[in-house]
Amino acid sequence: MSTDRPILHDIAERAGVSLTAVSMALRDTGRIAPETRERVKTVAAELGYVRKPRGIALKTGKSNVIGLIISGYEDDGSFTPFADYWMHMIRALSLASNIRGYAVVLITSSNLHLLKEIAMDGIILADPEGSPGALKRAQALGIPVVTAFMDDDRSELLAMDDDYPNFTSKAMRFLAEHGSTRPVLITQNGKVNSSRQAISAFRAWCREHGIEPRIIEVTDPKADLENGFAGLDADGYDGVFSFIGMFPELEDHIEAQNAQRIPPMPVVYYTTGYELRKFHQPTARLVSPIELLASRGIQLLLDKMAHKSDAPTKVLVKPKLEVLA
């Protein structure tokens, strides 16, 4: 037997079968007795045999690699409130892929040329708007794609996302239960699809409850918050729902406001990993079930890759509201 990594000859010799039988047993093909197939696999496991991924890809046309295209990580100094969220999502997507036998390769939006250079069986496109051209390039190459944000204008796309109406409803109920009648929504620029959905859900809730919607869209945290809150002073606000999570400038503003209010105004923020330094009650956070979303998103992609006609086309998950104490 060879002293290097075991090869098919070693398995054939130990199992007492032909090379052809070994090949068919390990690939689950051909007509060989079940007991022979099982003996070959047992011997292969005992010898520590592992099929070469490159060889598998050449023979099956599969790479067992899933691409994750994500924007917001280029060093351009822009405000990226969801950076920590996506670090958690990358980890969750990787684990969900690994347990299904797939590796994950991360591609930033400035390196889309790699789509032609790296063999991938499917792609999770984290932010279609932040990675212009990525969807068309992947589709032109015939690679199945699942987007990580819903897009109302492209309903035919496979998508995984948080349930924004459910997010908003839970947040607004919490604010209302704690006395807020003039809530304000803090969100990213409305050009971002997720923010558009949050704004739409917030407006719908306010309309249903006869409340004037107060919205501050943030691109520059310091300037936009100052200008936005200053514009609300005329009619005031008594509750905050921050869809873009919490960050130092917003936390400082809320802390200063609540230091002057008795009782303090209620606050709900969508957590993106930022931990509050201090807070007044009542404060709650909306936690996205990232692991569940990643698992269902990867399964959605695998179903697409397997051409399952009865597979769902959308995956939505509901958040959990945690009251801080």
Protein backbone atom coordinates (compact mmCIF):
# COMPACT_ATOMS: atom_id res chain seq x y z
CA MET A 1 0.00 0.00 0.00
CA SER A 2 1.23 3.51 -0.76
CA THR A 3 2.43 5.60 2.18
CA ASP A 4 0.86 8.82 0.85
CA ARG A 5 -2.81 9.72 0.88
CA PRO A 6 -4.88 6.59 0.08
CA ILE A 7 -5.87 6.18 -3.56
CA LEU A 8 -8.32 3.93 -5.36
CA HIS A 9 -5.70 1.17 -5.75
CA ASP A 10 -5.31 1.00 -1.97
CA ILE A 11 -9.05 0.66 -1.44
CA ALA A 12 -9.38 -1.97 -4.17
CA GLU A 13 -6.55 -4.00 -2.66
CA ARG A 14 -7.93 -3.86 0.89
CA ALA A 15 -11.54 -4.55 -0.16
CA GLY A 16 -10.59 -7.28 -2.65
CA VAL A 17 -12.46 -5.74 -5.57
CA SER A 18 -11.63 -4.14 -8.91
CA LEU A 19 -10.87 -0.48 -9.50
CA THR A 20 -14.10 -0.21 -11.45
CA ALA A 21 -16.09 -1.52 -8.48
CA VAL A 22 -14.38 1.00 -6.17
CA SER A 23 -15.18 3.86 -8.50
CA MET A 24 -18.83 2.86 -8.84
CA ALA A 25 -19.22 2.33 -5.08
CA LEU A 26 -17.78 5.71 -4.14
CA ARG A 27 -19.84 7.51 -6.79
CA ASP A 28 -23.02 5.53 -6.01
CA THR A 29 -23.33 4.47 -9.64
CA GLY A 30 -23.29 1.20 -11.57
CA ARG A 31 -24.63 -2.25 -10.81
CA ILE A 32 -22.75 -3.74 -7.93
CA ALA A 33 -23.97 -5.72 -4.94
CA PRO A 34 -25.08 -3.58 -1.97
CA GLU A 35 -22.73 -5.46 0.35
CA THR A 36 -19.81 -4.74 -2.00
CA ARG A 37 -20.69 -1.05 -2.16
CA GLU A 38 -20.89 -0.91 1.64
CA ARG A 39 -17.57 -2.77 2.07
CA VAL A 40 -15.80 -0.39 -0.29
CA LYS A 41 -17.14 2.66 1.54
CA THR A 42 -16.17 1.16 4.90
CA VAL A 43 -12.62 0.50 3.69
CA ALA A 44 -12.38 3.97 2.19
CA ALA A 45 -13.42 5.49 5.52
CA GLU A 46 -10.94 3.33 7.43
CA LEU A 47 -8.13 4.46 5.12
CA GLY A 48 -9.17 8.11 5.41
CA TYR A 49 -9.87 8.45 1.71
CA VAL A 50 -11.33 11.80 0.57
CA ARG A 51 -12.36 12.48 -3.01
CA LYS A 52 -10.57 15.43 -4.57
CA PRO A 53 -12.97 18.37 -4.93
CA ARG A 54 -11.41 19.47 -8.22
CA GLY A 55 -11.91 16.02 -9.67
CA ILE A 56 -15.52 15.95 -8.50
CA ALA A 57 -16.16 19.34 -10.09
CA LEU A 58 -14.74 18.19 -13.42
CA LYS A 59 -16.82 15.01 -13.49
CA THR A 60 -20.09 16.34 -12.07
CA GLY A 61 -19.99 19.95 -13.19
CA LYS A 62 -20.42 21.02 -9.56
CA SER A 63 -17.96 23.06 -7.54
CA ASN A 64 -19.72 22.76 -4.17
CA VAL A 65 -19.03 26.47 -3.75
CA ILE A 66 -21.60 29.18 -3.03
CA GLY A 67 -20.71 32.78 -3.72
CA LEU A 68 -21.72 35.59 -1.36
CA ILE A 69 -21.67 39.03 -2.98
CA ILE A 70 -21.81 41.85 -0.49
CA SER A 71 -21.39 45.62 -0.65
CA GLY A 72 -20.47 48.18 1.97
CA TYR A 73 -17.01 46.88 2.83
CA GLU A 74 -14.98 49.09 0.50
CA ASP A 75 -12.92 51.71 2.30
CA ASP A 76 -14.77 54.75 1.01
CA GLY A 77 -15.68 56.25 4.35
CA SER A 78 -19.43 55.88 3.81
CA PHE A 79 -21.87 55.22 6.64
CA THR A 80 -22.60 51.48 6.85
CA PRO A 81 -24.91 50.88 9.83
CA PHE A 82 -25.50 47.24 8.88
CA ALA A 83 -21.82 46.24 8.74
CA ASP A 84 -22.02 44.25 11.97
CA TYR A 85 -25.29 42.64 10.87
CA TRP A 86 -23.61 41.39 7.71
CA MET A 87 -20.63 40.04 9.63
CA HIS A 88 -23.10 37.92 11.60
CA MET A 89 -24.93 36.98 8.40
CA ILE A 90 -21.69 35.92 6.67
CA ARG A 91 -20.95 33.58 9.56
CA ALA A 92 -24.50 32.17 9.58
CA LEU A 93 -24.54 31.66 5.79
CA SER A 94 -21.15 29.94 5.95
CA LEU A 95 -22.30 27.53 8.66
CA ALA A 96 -25.57 26.82 6.86
CA SER A 97 -23.63 26.09 3.66
CA ASN A 98 -20.90 24.03 5.32
CA ILE A 99 -23.29 21.59 6.99
CA ARG A 100 -24.83 21.01 3.55
CA GLY A 101 -21.42 20.27 2.02
CA TYR A 102 -20.74 23.68 0.44
CA ALA A 103 -17.95 26.18 0.94
CA VAL A 104 -18.60 29.93 0.74
CA VAL A 105 -16.48 32.46 -1.13
CA LEU A 106 -16.97 36.15 -0.33
CA ILE A 107 -16.87 38.61 -3.24
CA THR A 108 -17.10 42.37 -2.74
CA SER A 109 -19.04 44.52 -5.19
CA SER A 110 -15.79 45.96 -6.60
CA ASN A 111 -14.53 42.49 -7.64
CA LEU A 112 -17.40 41.13 -9.71
CA HIS A 113 -14.95 39.98 -12.40
CA LEU A 114 -14.32 36.99 -10.11
CA LEU A 115 -17.73 35.61 -11.11
CA LYS A 116 -16.10 34.42 -14.32
CA GLU A 117 -12.93 33.19 -12.64
CA ILE A 118 -14.32 31.15 -9.74
CA ALA A 119 -16.62 28.18 -10.31
CA MET A 120 -19.78 28.59 -8.20
CA ASP A 121 -22.97 26.55 -8.07
CA GLY A 122 -25.10 29.39 -6.70
CA ILE A 123 -24.95 32.92 -5.33
CA ILE A 124 -26.42 34.82 -2.39
CA LEU A 125 -26.59 38.47 -3.43
CA ALA A 126 -26.67 40.44 -0.20
CA ASP A 127 -27.43 43.89 -1.56
CA PRO A 128 -28.52 44.10 -5.22
CA GLU A 129 -28.56 47.91 -5.16
CA GLY A 130 -25.13 48.16 -3.57
CA SER A 131 -23.65 45.76 -6.12
CA PRO A 132 -24.89 47.16 -9.46
CA GLY A 133 -24.55 44.71 -12.32
CA ALA A 134 -24.01 41.67 -10.09
CA LEU A 135 -27.44 40.18 -10.73
CA LYS A 136 -27.19 40.54 -14.51
CA ARG A 137 -23.67 39.10 -14.56
CA ALA A 138 -24.68 36.07 -12.51
CA GLN A 139 -27.79 35.46 -14.58
CA ALA A 140 -25.80 35.80 -17.82
CA LEU A 141 -23.49 33.05 -16.53
CA GLY A 142 -26.48 30.85 -15.70
CA ILE A 143 -25.76 30.86 -11.96
CA PRO A 144 -28.85 30.58 -9.68
CA VAL A 145 -29.21 33.64 -7.43
CA VAL A 146 -31.08 34.36 -4.20
CA THR A 147 -31.17 38.00 -3.10
CA ALA A 148 -30.98 38.84 0.58
CA PHE A 149 -33.43 41.72 0.30
CA MET A 150 -36.92 41.69 -1.15
CA ASP A 151 -37.50 43.89 -4.17
CA ASP A 152 -41.11 44.78 -4.88
CA ASP A 153 -40.17 45.84 -8.41
CA ARG A 154 -38.63 42.44 -9.18
CA SER A 155 -41.14 40.01 -7.74
CA GLU A 156 -39.81 37.17 -9.88
CA LEU A 157 -36.53 37.10 -7.95
CA LEU A 158 -35.86 34.44 -5.34
CA ALA A 159 -35.40 36.29 -2.06
CA MET A 160 -34.72 35.90 1.65
CA ASP A 161 -35.48 38.78 4.01
CA ASP A 162 -36.81 40.00 7.32
CA ASP A 163 -40.55 40.60 7.62
CA TYR A 164 -40.60 44.41 7.70
CA PRO A 165 -44.34 44.89 8.35
CA ASN A 166 -43.97 42.50 11.30
CA PHE A 167 -40.88 44.42 12.49
CA THR A 168 -42.72 47.72 12.33
CA SER A 169 -45.88 46.42 13.97
CA LYS A 170 -43.97 45.04 16.96
CA ALA A 171 -41.94 48.22 17.36
CA MET A 172 -44.93 50.53 17.11
CA ARG A 173 -47.02 48.47 19.53
CA PHE A 174 -44.23 48.70 22.09
CA LEU A 175 -43.99 52.48 21.66
CA ALA A 176 -47.77 52.91 21.87
CA GLU A 177 -48.02 50.72 24.98
CA HIS A 178 -45.53 53.04 26.66
CA GLY A 179 -47.41 56.21 25.85
CA SER A 180 -45.96 57.33 22.51
CA THR A 181 -48.40 59.15 20.23
CA ARG A 182 -45.83 61.00 18.09
CA PRO A 183 -43.20 58.39 17.16
CA VAL A 184 -40.30 59.07 14.80
CA LEU A 185 -38.67 56.52 12.48
CA ILE A 186 -34.89 56.71 12.03
CA THR A 187 -33.75 54.89 8.92
CA GLN A 188 -31.16 54.82 6.20
CA ASN A 189 -31.58 56.73 2.97
CA GLY A 190 -34.87 55.77 1.33
CA LYS A 191 -33.03 54.78 -1.84
CA VAL A 192 -31.99 51.56 -0.07
CA ASN A 193 -34.61 48.86 -0.64
CA SER A 194 -34.79 47.66 2.98
CA SER A 195 -35.28 51.25 4.15
CA ARG A 196 -38.00 51.82 1.55
CA GLN A 197 -39.86 48.83 2.92
CA ALA A 198 -39.43 50.01 6.51
CA ILE A 199 -40.67 53.50 5.57
CA SER A 200 -43.65 52.05 3.70
CA ALA A 201 -44.61 49.84 6.64
CA PHE A 202 -44.19 52.75 9.08
CA ARG A 203 -46.38 55.06 6.97
CA ALA A 204 -49.05 52.36 6.69
CA TRP A 205 -49.09 51.86 10.49
CA CYS A 206 -49.31 55.62 11.11
CA ARG A 207 -52.12 55.97 8.56
CA GLU A 208 -54.05 53.12 10.18
CA HIS A 209 -53.73 54.76 13.62
CA GLY A 210 -54.31 58.36 12.53
CA ILE A 211 -50.76 59.48 13.29
CA GLU A 212 -48.63 61.90 11.29
CA PRO A 213 -45.53 59.95 10.13
CA ARG A 214 -42.26 61.48 11.31
CA ILE A 215 -39.21 60.14 9.45
CA ILE A 216 -35.51 60.99 9.53
CA GLU A 217 -33.38 59.47 6.77
CA VAL A 218 -29.71 59.17 7.68
CA THR A 219 -26.71 59.21 5.36
CA ASP A 220 -24.41 61.36 7.48
CA PRO A 221 -25.10 60.36 11.14
CA LYS A 222 -24.20 63.66 12.79
CA ALA A 223 -25.56 66.20 10.29
CA ASP A 224 -28.71 64.31 9.32
CA LEU A 225 -29.69 63.59 12.92
CA GLU A 226 -29.19 67.18 14.00
CA ASN A 227 -31.17 68.57 11.07
CA GLY A 228 -33.84 65.88 11.28
CA PHE A 229 -34.56 66.26 14.99
CA ALA A 230 -34.39 70.06 14.74
CA GLY A 231 -37.14 69.90 12.14
CA LEU A 232 -39.36 67.99 14.57
CA ASP A 233 -39.12 70.47 17.42
CA ALA A 234 -42.24 72.36 16.30
CA ASP A 235 -44.62 69.47 16.94
CA GLY A 236 -42.29 67.28 18.96
CA TYR A 237 -41.86 63.54 19.19
CA ASP A 238 -42.23 61.18 22.12
CA GLY A 239 -40.89 57.83 20.88
CA VAL A 240 -38.12 56.54 18.62
CA PHE A 241 -37.98 53.52 16.33
CA SER A 242 -34.51 53.19 14.86
CA PHE A 243 -34.56 50.78 11.94
CA ILE A 244 -30.81 51.24 11.37
CA GLY A 245 -29.96 50.03 14.84
CA MET A 246 -28.09 52.09 17.37
CA PHE A 247 -24.90 54.08 16.90
CA PRO A 248 -23.06 56.60 19.10
CA GLU A 249 -24.59 59.80 17.65
CA LEU A 250 -28.15 58.50 18.02
CA GLU A 251 -27.52 57.04 21.46
CA ASP A 252 -26.07 60.37 22.66
CA HIS A 253 -29.09 62.27 21.33
CA ILE A 254 -31.61 59.93 22.96
CA GLU A 255 -29.66 60.01 26.22
CA ALA A 256 -29.70 63.83 26.23
CA GLN A 257 -33.44 63.94 25.46
CA ASN A 258 -34.41 61.39 28.07
CA ALA A 259 -32.35 63.14 30.73
CA GLN A 260 -34.86 66.02 30.42
CA ARG A 261 -38.04 63.93 30.16
CA ILE A 262 -40.17 62.51 32.96
CA PRO A 263 -41.05 59.82 32.17
CA PRO A 264 -38.40 59.04 29.53
CA MET A 265 -39.64 58.37 26.00
CA PRO A 266 -39.76 54.75 24.80
CA VAL A 267 -37.17 53.57 22.27
CA VAL A 268 -37.03 50.54 19.97
CA TYR A 269 -33.99 49.81 17.84
CA TYR A 270 -33.24 47.11 15.33
CA THR A 271 -30.09 45.50 16.62
CA THR A 272 -27.11 45.28 14.29
CA GLY A 273 -24.67 44.20 16.99
CA TYR A 274 -24.13 47.58 18.67
CA GLU A 275 -24.41 47.31 22.45
CA LEU A 276 -25.86 50.29 24.31
CA ARG A 277 -23.53 51.97 26.75
CA LYS A 278 -26.49 53.01 28.91
CA PHE A 279 -30.21 53.42 28.42
CA HIS A 280 -33.39 54.63 30.06
CA GLN A 281 -36.39 52.38 30.38
CA PRO A 282 -38.52 51.66 28.46
CA THR A 283 -36.13 50.47 25.75
CA ALA A 284 -36.47 47.41 23.54
CA ARG A 285 -34.57 45.94 20.62
CA LEU A 286 -35.73 43.95 17.63
CA VAL A 287 -33.52 40.93 17.03
CA SER A 288 -33.44 39.32 13.61
CA PRO A 289 -33.19 35.49 13.71
CA ILE A 290 -30.11 35.55 11.47
CA GLU A 291 -29.31 31.83 11.76
CA LEU A 292 -32.85 30.87 10.75
CA LEU A 293 -32.86 33.34 7.87
CA ALA A 294 -29.48 32.07 6.62
CA SER A 295 -30.52 28.42 6.86
CA ARG A 296 -33.76 28.99 4.94
CA GLY A 297 -32.01 31.20 2.41
CA ILE A 298 -29.37 28.58 1.65
CA GLN A 299 -32.04 25.88 1.34
CA LEU A 300 -33.96 28.14 -1.04
CA LEU A 301 -30.83 28.43 -3.18
CA LEU A 302 -30.16 24.68 -3.11
CA ASP A 303 -33.76 23.99 -4.18
CA LYS A 304 -33.27 26.39 -7.08
CA MET A 305 -30.01 24.66 -8.02
CA ALA A 306 -31.82 21.32 -7.94
CA HIS A 307 -34.61 22.73 -10.18
CA LYS A 308 -37.35 21.87 -7.68
CA SER A 309 -40.58 23.16 -9.19
CA ASP A 310 -42.54 23.05 -5.92
CA ALA A 311 -39.96 24.98 -3.87
CA PRO A 312 -40.94 28.37 -2.37
CA THR A 313 -39.67 31.54 -4.02
CA LYS A 314 -39.57 33.79 -0.93
CA VAL A 315 -38.38 33.32 2.64
CA LEU A 316 -39.51 35.75 5.34
CA VAL A 317 -38.62 35.55 9.03
CA LYS A 318 -40.16 37.39 11.95
CA PRO A 319 -38.07 39.27 14.53
CA LYS A 320 -38.07 38.86 18.29
CA LEU A 321 -38.71 41.87 20.53
CA GLU A 322 -36.47 41.95 23.62
CA VAL A 323 -37.23 44.46 26.38
CA LEU A 324 -34.03 45.69 28.02
CA ALA A 325 -33.93 45.80 31.78
